[in-house]
């Protein structure tokens, strides 16, 4: 399985962020071809080290990196990427991690 984990720092306007994220962004992202699952954190996020400024973590799953690359090249993914810049325009407020996984 390949995953992309997106970590969002606490936005200035939490209510506006959440409204856009849940009502607009998630429905757009769920249309990406090859997307297997979309998860989000639920409740407060505890930070073991560093400042407690994380608001939400989203994780999307694909069969493998090639399926993710193909999905991200689609017009649906381009629309979701453009939308992310609307509710989280400052890249310093978001971190994205892409990786393949294996069970051990």
C-alpha atoms as a PDB file:
ATOM      1  CA  UNK A   1       0.000   0.000   0.000  1.00  0.00           C
ATOM      2  CA  UNK A   2       1.172   3.525  -0.712  1.00  0.00           C
ATOM      3  CA  UNK A   3       0.125   6.395   1.516  1.00  0.00           C
ATOM      4  CA  UNK A   4       0.166  10.142   1.562  1.00  0.00           C
ATOM      5  CA  UNK A   5      -0.042  11.629   5.049  1.00  0.00           C
ATOM      6  CA  UNK A   6      -0.919  15.326   5.233  1.00  0.00           C
ATOM      7  CA  UNK A   7      -0.361  17.169   8.502  1.00  0.00           C
ATOM      8  CA  UNK A   8      -2.186  20.484   8.919  1.00  0.00           C
ATOM      9  CA  UNK A   9      -1.102  22.992  11.515  1.00  0.00           C
ATOM     10  CA  UNK A  10      -3.780  24.787  13.509  1.00  0.00           C
ATOM     11  CA  UNK A  11      -5.363  27.325  11.120  1.00  0.00           C
ATOM     12  CA  UNK A  12      -6.192  30.880  12.101  1.00  0.00           C
ATOM     13  CA  UNK A  13      -9.900  30.236  11.442  1.00  0.00           C
ATOM     14  CA  UNK A  14     -10.603  26.641  12.500  1.00  0.00           C
ATOM     15  CA  UNK A  15     -14.310  26.810  11.645  1.00  0.00           C
ATOM     16  CA  UNK A  16     -13.694  28.049   8.076  1.00  0.00           C
ATOM     17  CA  UNK A  17     -10.900  25.485   7.570  1.00  0.00           C
ATOM     18  CA  UNK A  18     -13.071  22.587   8.703  1.00  0.00           C
ATOM     19  CA  UNK A  19     -16.094  23.707   6.696  1.00  0.00           C
ATOM     20  CA  UNK A  20     -14.059  23.845   3.492  1.00  0.00           C
ATOM     21  CA  UNK A  21     -12.062  20.687   4.230  1.00  0.00           C
ATOM     22  CA  UNK A  22     -15.081  18.503   5.004  1.00  0.00           C
ATOM     23  CA  UNK A  23     -17.613  19.980   2.576  1.00  0.00           C
ATOM     24  CA  UNK A  24     -15.389  20.687  -0.439  1.00  0.00           C
ATOM     25  CA  UNK A  25     -11.932  19.123  -0.260  1.00  0.00           C
ATOM     26  CA  UNK A  26     -12.750  15.603   0.879  1.00  0.00           C
ATOM     27  CA  UNK A  27     -15.467  15.110  -1.788  1.00  0.00           C
ATOM     28  CA  UNK A  28     -13.010  16.349  -4.464  1.00  0.00           C
ATOM     29  CA  UNK A  29     -10.177  14.124  -3.259  1.00  0.00           C
ATOM     30  CA  UNK A  30     -12.391  11.031  -3.048  1.00  0.00           C
ATOM     31  CA  UNK A  31     -12.836  11.256  -6.836  1.00  0.00           C
ATOM     32  CA  UNK A  32      -9.108  10.645  -7.499  1.00  0.00           C
ATOM     33  CA  UNK A  33      -8.738   7.464  -9.582  1.00  0.00           C
ATOM     34  CA  UNK A  34      -7.168   4.591  -7.665  1.00  0.00           C
ATOM     35  CA  UNK A  35      -7.859   6.058  -4.220  1.00  0.00           C
ATOM     36  CA  UNK A  36      -8.596   3.141  -1.881  1.00  0.00           C
ATOM     37  CA  UNK A  37      -9.241   4.864   1.428  1.00  0.00           C
ATOM     38  CA  UNK A  38      -9.280   8.336   2.995  1.00  0.00           C
ATOM     39  CA  UNK A  39      -8.798   8.656   6.754  1.00  0.00           C
ATOM     40  CA  UNK A  40      -8.594  11.673   9.024  1.00  0.00           C
ATOM     41  CA  UNK A  41      -7.558  12.089  12.621  1.00  0.00           C
ATOM     42  CA  UNK A  42     -10.399  12.204  15.104  1.00  0.00           C
ATOM     43  CA  UNK A  43     -10.158  14.436  18.142  1.00  0.00           C
ATOM     44  CA  UNK A  44      -7.151  16.201  19.630  1.00  0.00           C
ATOM     45  CA  UNK A  45      -3.672  15.298  18.399  1.00  0.00           C
ATOM     46  CA  UNK A  46      -1.044  14.795  21.063  1.00  0.00           C
ATOM     47  CA  UNK A  47       2.447  15.913  20.136  1.00  0.00           C
ATOM     48  CA  UNK A  48       5.212  13.997  21.905  1.00  0.00           C
ATOM     49  CA  UNK A  49       7.965  16.497  21.031  1.00  0.00           C
ATOM     50  CA  UNK A  50       7.759  20.027  19.688  1.00  0.00           C
ATOM     51  CA  UNK A  51       4.992  22.598  19.750  1.00  0.00           C
ATOM     52  CA  UNK A  52       1.396  21.288  19.894  1.00  0.00           C
ATOM     53  CA  UNK A  53       0.293  23.062  16.727  1.00  0.00           C
ATOM     54  CA  UNK A  54      -1.114  20.123  14.713  1.00  0.00           C
ATOM     55  CA  UNK A  55      -4.823  20.447  13.983  1.00  0.00           C
ATOM     56  CA  UNK A  56      -5.656  17.565  11.656  1.00  0.00           C
ATOM     57  CA  UNK A  57      -3.965  14.677   9.864  1.00  0.00           C
ATOM     58  CA  UNK A  58      -5.364  13.222   6.649  1.00  0.00           C
ATOM     59  CA  UNK A  59      -4.158   9.965   5.092  1.00  0.00           C
ATOM     60  CA  UNK A  60      -4.999   8.678   1.628  1.00  0.00           C
ATOM     61  CA  UNK A  61      -4.224   5.138   0.454  1.00  0.00           C
ATOM     62  CA  UNK A  62      -3.448   3.664  -2.960  1.00  0.00           C
ATOM     63  CA  UNK A  63      -2.474   0.133  -4.014  1.00  0.00           C
ATOM     64  CA  UNK A  64       1.137   1.186  -4.669  1.00  0.00           C
ATOM     65  CA  UNK A  65       3.293   4.168  -5.640  1.00  0.00           C
ATOM     66  CA  UNK A  66       2.559   3.699  -9.352  1.00  0.00           C
ATOM     67  CA  UNK A  67      -1.192   3.787  -8.709  1.00  0.00           C
ATOM     68  CA  UNK A  68      -0.670   6.921  -6.612  1.00  0.00           C
ATOM     69  CA  UNK A  69       1.383   8.608  -9.348  1.00  0.00           C
ATOM     70  CA  UNK A  70      -1.266   7.743 -11.923  1.00  0.00           C
ATOM     71  CA  UNK A  71      -4.048   9.032  -9.647  1.00  0.00           C
ATOM     72  CA  UNK A  72      -2.159  12.247  -8.867  1.00  0.00           C
ATOM     73  CA  UNK A  73      -1.671  12.904 -12.590  1.00  0.00           C
ATOM     74  CA  UNK A  74      -5.462  12.954 -13.108  1.00  0.00           C
ATOM     75  CA  UNK A  75      -7.621  16.028 -13.515  1.00  0.00           C
ATOM     76  CA  UNK A  76      -9.424  15.053 -10.300  1.00  0.00           C
ATOM     77  CA  UNK A  77      -6.168  15.194  -8.334  1.00  0.00           C
ATOM     78  CA  UNK A  78      -5.223  18.482  -9.975  1.00  0.00           C
ATOM     79  CA  UNK A  79      -8.561  19.921  -8.823  1.00  0.00           C
ATOM     80  CA  UNK A  80      -8.003  18.624  -5.261  1.00  0.00           C
ATOM     81  CA  UNK A  81      -4.477  20.076  -5.229  1.00  0.00           C
ATOM     82  CA  UNK A  82      -5.718  23.461  -6.400  1.00  0.00           C
ATOM     83  CA  UNK A  83      -8.451  23.336  -3.776  1.00  0.00           C
ATOM     84  CA  UNK A  84      -5.906  22.642  -1.006  1.00  0.00           C
ATOM     85  CA  UNK A  85      -4.301  25.972  -1.846  1.00  0.00           C
ATOM     86  CA  UNK A  86      -7.635  27.669  -1.080  1.00  0.00           C
ATOM     87  CA  UNK A  87      -8.078  26.451   2.500  1.00  0.00           C
ATOM     88  CA  UNK A  88      -4.360  26.047   3.324  1.00  0.00           C
ATOM     89  CA  UNK A  89      -2.601  28.559   1.045  1.00  0.00           C
ATOM     90  CA  UNK A  90       0.551  28.906   3.101  1.00  0.00           C
ATOM     91  CA  UNK A  91       2.745  25.829   2.568  1.00  0.00           C
ATOM     92  CA  UNK A  92       4.278  26.401   6.014  1.00  0.00           C
ATOM     93  CA  UNK A  93       0.926  25.278   7.487  1.00  0.00           C
ATOM     94  CA  UNK A  94       0.922  21.868   5.820  1.00  0.00           C
ATOM     95  CA  UNK A  95       3.349  18.956   5.521  1.00  0.00           C
ATOM     96  CA  UNK A  96       2.904  16.079   3.049  1.00  0.00           C
ATOM     97  CA  UNK A  97       4.612  12.707   3.269  1.00  0.00           C
ATOM     98  CA  UNK A  98       4.374  10.127   0.460  1.00  0.00           C
ATOM     99  CA  UNK A  99       5.646   6.584   0.924  1.00  0.00           C
ATOM    100  CA  UNK A 100       5.101   2.941   0.122  1.00  0.00           C
ATOM    101  CA  UNK A 101       4.592   0.492   2.967  1.00  0.00           C
ATOM    102  CA  UNK A 102       5.237  -3.155   3.710  1.00  0.00           C
ATOM    103  CA  UNK A 103       4.204  -5.330   6.610  1.00  0.00           C
ATOM    104  CA  UNK A 104       6.939  -6.640   8.867  1.00  0.00           C
END
